[in-house]
Amino acid sequence: MVKALNIGLIGLGYIGKIHLTAYQDIPLCINKPQAVANMTAVLRSRLDTEEEAMRASGFSIKTTNPEEFFAAPLDIVDVCSPNHLHLDQVSQALKLGFNVYCEKPLTRNYQEAKSLAELAKTSLGKTHTAYVLRYLPGIRQMKAIIQADAIGEVYHFRSHMFHGSYVDINRPMSWRLRKSTSGGGAFMDLGAHLIDITRYLMGEVDWVRSEMHTCIKERPASAGSSQREPVDVDDWALCTIQLKNGAAGVVEVTRMAAGAGEATTVEIFGSKGALLFDFR
């Protein structure tokens, strides 16, 4: 018998729509799934946008009221809101015993993340953060090859994630471009994935040295506005990392790579061979 899990979705921006599409596609992508998603409730800051998406998705509860949302009979709370809201929303879900799936980065900084990790230890619910690249078949295969000692001792590595989504100097300000709401720029947004893959494939970090740069230092306060607002997060970041096992490497990310689309590669070099993953 297929189990229907009641999903409570927080946020319906770009990432929220990606999650929503994935839930709806379970029967199309998985033959005889063990569970399907029942889109039960959505919590948003406003309800006068994405009205057709909410209607078509069958949410029985559409609200801006957290109390109404968390009172729903939910099996999973899926947090797709801006980074600065994660701490309070995840905390509330954990205290109520819900299973929680939260978009990355988990929070804006180490202190907030640590508080959620401690809270998760005492919660009845299961937790997971959306580091989705580690589940790609190619990355899984790399893990198996490394564990089988097929490339020997890992000496060094290099990974990058290049996006061109912020090249337009007239792209207006958003929560992602303000440190108070995002916690950081390109590295917080993209580098989080590469740090997760590094740890997943090769082990824990010993030390890190980093450089960051903001290419476009002011942007329109809103679409079409002549008023400019300073950008206080990074557009580009480069980290040199040494792992506790002695391997060393670099991680580079940018949202200013014109024409790159979504270019992600991971290279790992060992004593007996090498591995290369290319997202494209």
Protein backbone atom coordinates (compact mmCIF):
# COMPACT_ATOMS: atom_id res chain seq x y z
CA MET A 1 0.00 0.00 0.00
CA VAL A 2 1.36 3.41 -0.98
CA LYS A 3 1.61 5.82 1.93
CA ALA A 4 0.52 9.43 1.37
CA LEU A 5 2.68 11.87 3.34
CA ASN A 6 1.19 15.24 4.25
CA ILE A 7 3.63 17.95 3.20
CA GLY A 8 3.75 21.44 4.66
CA LEU A 9 5.71 23.77 2.38
CA ILE A 10 7.14 27.04 3.71
CA GLY A 11 7.86 29.44 0.86
CA LEU A 12 6.89 29.29 -2.80
CA GLY A 13 9.65 31.20 -4.53
CA TYR A 14 12.02 29.65 -7.06
CA ILE A 15 13.25 26.84 -4.78
CA GLY A 16 9.79 26.27 -3.33
CA LYS A 17 8.49 25.63 -6.84
CA ILE A 18 11.33 23.19 -7.51
CA HIS A 19 10.41 21.22 -4.38
CA LEU A 20 6.72 21.36 -5.28
CA THR A 21 7.44 20.03 -8.78
CA ALA A 22 9.55 17.21 -7.35
CA TYR A 23 6.78 16.10 -4.98
CA GLN A 24 4.26 16.10 -7.80
CA ASP A 25 6.60 14.14 -10.08
CA ILE A 26 7.17 11.22 -7.69
CA PRO A 27 4.63 8.93 -9.48
CA LEU A 28 6.12 9.92 -12.85
CA CYS A 29 9.75 9.28 -11.87
CA ILE A 30 9.49 6.28 -9.54
CA ASN A 31 7.82 3.02 -10.49
CA LYS A 32 5.69 1.74 -7.61
CA PRO A 33 6.79 4.38 -5.06
CA GLN A 34 6.55 3.51 -1.39
CA ALA A 35 5.14 6.96 -0.67
CA VAL A 36 3.59 9.90 -2.47
CA ALA A 37 3.17 13.51 -1.41
CA ASN A 38 -0.08 15.14 -0.39
CA MET A 39 0.46 18.89 -0.60
CA THR A 40 -1.47 19.78 2.55
CA ALA A 41 -0.39 23.29 3.59
CA VAL A 42 1.66 26.20 2.34
CA LEU A 43 2.95 29.07 4.49
CA ARG A 44 3.88 32.27 2.68
CA SER A 45 4.53 35.92 3.45
CA ARG A 46 1.70 36.86 1.02
CA LEU A 47 -1.08 35.03 -0.81
CA ASP A 48 -1.75 37.41 -3.71
CA THR A 49 0.97 35.88 -5.92
CA GLU A 50 1.38 32.35 -7.35
CA GLU A 51 -2.36 31.88 -6.87
CA GLU A 52 -2.73 29.48 -9.80
CA ALA A 53 0.22 27.37 -8.61
CA MET A 54 -1.31 27.06 -5.14
CA ARG A 55 -4.73 26.19 -6.55
CA ALA A 56 -3.41 23.62 -9.02
CA SER A 57 -1.27 21.97 -6.35
CA GLY A 58 -4.27 21.23 -4.17
CA PHE A 59 -3.15 22.82 -0.92
CA SER A 60 -6.03 22.58 1.52
CA ILE A 61 -4.42 25.24 3.74
CA LYS A 62 -2.94 28.41 2.24
CA THR A 63 -1.92 30.85 4.94
CA THR A 64 0.40 33.59 6.16
CA ASN A 65 -0.24 32.54 9.77
CA PRO A 66 2.43 30.20 11.24
CA GLU A 67 0.04 28.98 13.96
CA GLU A 68 -2.51 27.87 11.37
CA PHE A 69 0.21 26.20 9.31
CA PHE A 70 1.77 24.27 12.20
CA ALA A 71 -1.65 23.18 13.46
CA ALA A 72 -2.17 21.20 10.24
CA PRO A 73 -1.76 17.38 10.27
CA LEU A 74 1.69 17.36 8.68
CA ASP A 75 4.21 14.54 8.26
CA ILE A 76 6.99 16.73 6.83
CA VAL A 77 7.73 20.44 7.07
CA ASP A 78 9.74 21.55 4.04
CA VAL A 79 11.46 24.93 4.57
CA CYS A 80 12.12 26.88 1.34
CA SER A 81 12.06 30.39 2.76
CA PRO A 82 14.87 33.01 2.75
CA ASN A 83 17.87 32.08 4.90
CA HIS A 84 17.18 34.51 7.75
CA LEU A 85 13.82 32.82 8.44
CA HIS A 86 15.19 29.28 8.77
CA LEU A 87 16.19 29.53 12.42
CA ASP A 88 12.73 30.41 13.74
CA GLN A 89 10.78 28.22 11.32
CA VAL A 90 12.90 25.11 11.77
CA SER A 91 13.02 25.64 15.54
CA GLN A 92 9.24 25.79 15.71
CA ALA A 93 8.85 22.69 13.57
CA LEU A 94 11.37 20.72 15.65
CA LYS A 95 9.80 21.74 18.94
CA LEU A 96 6.48 20.41 17.64
CA GLY A 97 8.09 17.11 16.68
CA PHE A 98 7.75 17.39 12.90
CA ASN A 99 10.13 15.81 10.41
CA VAL A 100 11.98 18.73 8.80
CA TYR A 101 13.62 19.12 5.39
CA CYS A 102 15.38 22.49 5.08
CA GLU A 103 16.98 24.16 2.10
CA LYS A 104 20.66 25.02 2.27
CA PRO A 105 22.30 26.91 3.76
CA LEU A 106 20.75 25.76 7.00
CA THR A 107 21.13 29.21 8.58
CA ARG A 108 23.05 32.47 8.16
CA ASN A 109 25.97 31.58 10.42
CA TYR A 110 27.61 28.94 12.58
CA GLN A 111 25.94 29.99 15.83
CA GLU A 112 22.43 29.67 14.38
CA ALA A 113 23.27 26.34 12.75
CA LYS A 114 24.72 24.97 15.97
CA SER A 115 21.58 25.89 17.91
CA LEU A 116 19.42 24.00 15.39
CA ALA A 117 21.74 20.99 15.49
CA GLU A 118 21.45 20.86 19.27
CA LEU A 119 17.67 21.21 19.09
CA ALA A 120 17.47 18.43 16.50
CA LYS A 121 19.15 16.02 18.93
CA THR A 122 16.20 16.33 21.31
CA SER A 123 13.45 16.44 18.68
CA LEU A 124 11.25 13.47 17.81
CA GLY A 125 11.39 14.38 14.14
CA LYS A 126 13.97 13.41 11.55
CA THR A 127 15.96 16.18 9.87
CA HIS A 128 17.76 16.70 6.58
CA THR A 129 19.30 19.60 4.68
CA ALA A 130 19.00 19.91 0.90
CA TYR A 131 22.54 19.05 -0.15
CA VAL A 132 21.16 17.39 -3.26
CA LEU A 133 24.35 17.08 -5.33
CA ARG A 134 25.63 14.21 -3.18
CA TYR A 135 22.73 12.12 -4.48
CA LEU A 136 23.65 12.46 -8.16
CA PRO A 137 24.62 9.06 -9.62
CA GLY A 138 28.01 10.37 -10.73
CA ILE A 139 28.90 11.62 -7.24
CA ARG A 140 27.72 8.33 -5.71
CA GLN A 141 29.94 6.44 -8.15
CA MET A 142 32.92 8.61 -7.18
CA LYS A 143 32.26 7.76 -3.53
CA ALA A 144 32.24 4.04 -4.29
CA ILE A 145 35.46 4.27 -6.32
CA ILE A 146 37.26 6.17 -3.54
CA GLN A 147 36.03 3.74 -0.89
CA ALA A 148 37.28 0.82 -3.01
CA ASP A 149 40.76 2.43 -3.00
CA ALA A 150 40.72 2.45 -6.81
CA ILE A 151 42.49 5.83 -7.05
CA GLY A 152 44.67 5.23 -3.99
CA GLU A 153 45.55 7.97 -1.54
CA VAL A 154 43.87 11.26 -2.39
CA TYR A 155 46.52 13.94 -2.87
CA HIS A 156 44.59 16.98 -4.04
CA PHE A 157 41.30 18.14 -5.51
CA ARG A 158 39.66 21.03 -7.31
CA SER A 159 35.99 21.95 -7.65
CA HIS A 160 34.09 24.89 -9.01
CA MET A 161 30.52 26.05 -9.50
CA PHE A 162 30.10 28.87 -12.00
CA HIS A 163 26.76 30.63 -12.54
CA GLY A 164 26.05 33.73 -14.58
CA SER A 165 22.80 34.69 -12.90
CA TYR A 166 24.01 38.00 -11.41
CA VAL A 167 26.04 39.42 -14.32
CA ASP A 168 23.32 41.95 -15.22
CA ILE A 169 24.30 45.16 -13.43
CA ASN A 170 20.63 46.18 -13.39
CA ARG A 171 19.44 43.05 -11.62
CA PRO A 172 17.75 44.55 -8.55
CA MET A 173 18.48 43.92 -4.91
CA SER A 174 16.94 40.93 -3.20
CA TRP A 175 17.33 39.10 0.08
CA ARG A 176 20.17 37.05 -1.46
CA LEU A 177 22.24 40.22 -1.91
CA ARG A 178 21.91 41.41 1.69
CA LYS A 179 24.08 39.76 4.33
CA SER A 180 21.49 40.38 7.03
CA THR A 181 19.00 38.11 5.26
CA SER A 182 21.27 35.71 3.35
CA GLY A 183 24.31 35.35 5.58
CA GLY A 184 26.57 35.59 2.52
CA GLY A 185 26.71 35.65 -1.25
CA ALA A 186 28.01 33.24 -3.86
CA PHE A 187 29.85 31.07 -1.36
CA MET A 188 26.86 30.75 0.96
CA ASP A 189 24.59 30.04 -2.02
CA LEU A 190 26.76 27.80 -4.20
CA GLY A 191 29.84 26.94 -2.15
CA ALA A 192 27.70 25.18 0.44
CA HIS A 193 27.11 22.40 -2.09
CA LEU A 194 30.79 21.99 -2.90
CA ILE A 195 31.83 21.93 0.75
CA ASP A 196 29.25 19.20 1.35
CA ILE A 197 30.57 17.17 -1.61
CA THR A 198 34.16 17.62 -0.39
CA ARG A 199 33.30 16.30 3.07
CA TYR A 200 31.07 13.54 1.68
CA LEU A 201 33.71 12.23 -0.71
CA MET A 202 36.98 12.85 1.12
CA GLY A 203 36.51 13.67 4.79
CA GLU A 204 36.55 16.53 7.27
CA VAL A 205 38.27 19.90 6.88
CA ASP A 206 41.40 20.75 8.89
CA TRP A 207 41.93 24.37 7.81
CA VAL A 208 40.68 26.83 5.22
CA ARG A 209 41.99 30.06 3.68
CA SER A 210 39.65 32.16 1.57
CA GLU A 211 39.35 35.23 -0.63
CA MET A 212 36.10 36.93 -1.63
CA HIS A 213 35.21 39.75 -3.99
CA THR A 214 32.10 41.78 -4.82
CA CYS A 215 32.10 42.65 -8.51
CA ILE A 216 28.98 44.83 -8.61
CA LYS A 217 28.99 46.92 -5.47
CA GLU A 218 25.64 48.69 -5.97
CA ARG A 219 22.36 47.58 -7.50
CA PRO A 220 18.89 49.08 -8.08
CA ALA A 221 16.86 49.06 -4.88
CA SER A 222 13.99 47.54 -6.88
CA ALA A 223 13.22 46.73 -10.51
CA GLY A 224 13.44 49.89 -12.62
CA SER A 225 14.44 52.09 -9.67
CA SER A 226 17.09 54.79 -10.03
CA GLN A 227 17.92 54.44 -6.34
CA ARG A 228 21.01 52.31 -5.71
CA GLU A 229 21.66 50.09 -2.71
CA PRO A 230 25.07 48.77 -1.62
CA VAL A 231 25.74 45.04 -1.99
CA ASP A 232 27.48 43.59 1.07
CA VAL A 233 27.91 39.95 0.00
CA ASP A 234 30.42 38.23 -2.28
CA ASP A 235 29.95 37.65 -6.02
CA TRP A 236 33.05 35.41 -6.21
CA ALA A 237 34.91 33.31 -3.65
CA LEU A 238 37.98 31.07 -3.66
CA CYS A 239 38.89 28.74 -0.80
CA THR A 240 42.05 26.76 -0.29
CA ILE A 241 41.31 23.77 1.94
CA GLN A 242 43.33 21.06 3.64
CA LEU A 243 41.53 18.01 4.94
CA LYS A 244 42.38 16.10 8.09
CA ASN A 245 43.63 13.20 5.96
CA GLY A 246 46.25 15.47 4.39
CA ALA A 247 44.60 16.05 1.00
CA ALA A 248 44.50 19.67 -0.16
CA GLY A 249 42.53 21.51 -2.78
CA VAL A 250 40.57 24.53 -3.92
CA VAL A 251 36.88 25.40 -4.16
CA GLU A 252 35.86 28.32 -6.38
CA VAL A 253 32.37 29.73 -6.89
CA THR A 254 30.89 32.68 -8.72
CA ARG A 255 27.55 34.08 -9.79
CA MET A 256 29.32 36.33 -12.31
CA ALA A 257 30.40 33.83 -14.98
CA ALA A 258 28.89 35.22 -18.18
CA GLY A 259 27.69 32.44 -20.47
CA ALA A 260 28.47 29.66 -18.01
CA GLY A 261 24.87 28.66 -17.38
CA GLU A 262 25.40 26.13 -14.59
CA ALA A 263 28.96 24.82 -14.80
CA THR A 264 29.97 22.52 -11.96
CA THR A 265 33.00 20.22 -11.89
CA VAL A 266 34.78 18.17 -9.25
CA GLU A 267 38.29 16.77 -9.86
CA ILE A 268 40.07 14.43 -7.44
CA PHE A 269 43.65 13.24 -7.93
CA GLY A 270 45.08 10.23 -6.11
CA SER A 271 48.23 8.11 -6.03
CA LYS A 272 46.79 5.55 -8.47
CA GLY A 273 44.32 7.52 -10.55
CA ALA A 274 41.93 10.43 -10.84
CA LEU A 275 38.21 11.21 -10.99
CA LEU A 276 36.37 13.94 -12.87
CA PHE A 277 32.71 14.84 -12.46
CA ASP A 278 31.10 17.37 -14.80
CA PHE A 279 27.52 18.43 -14.13
CA ARG A 280 26.98 19.04 -17.86
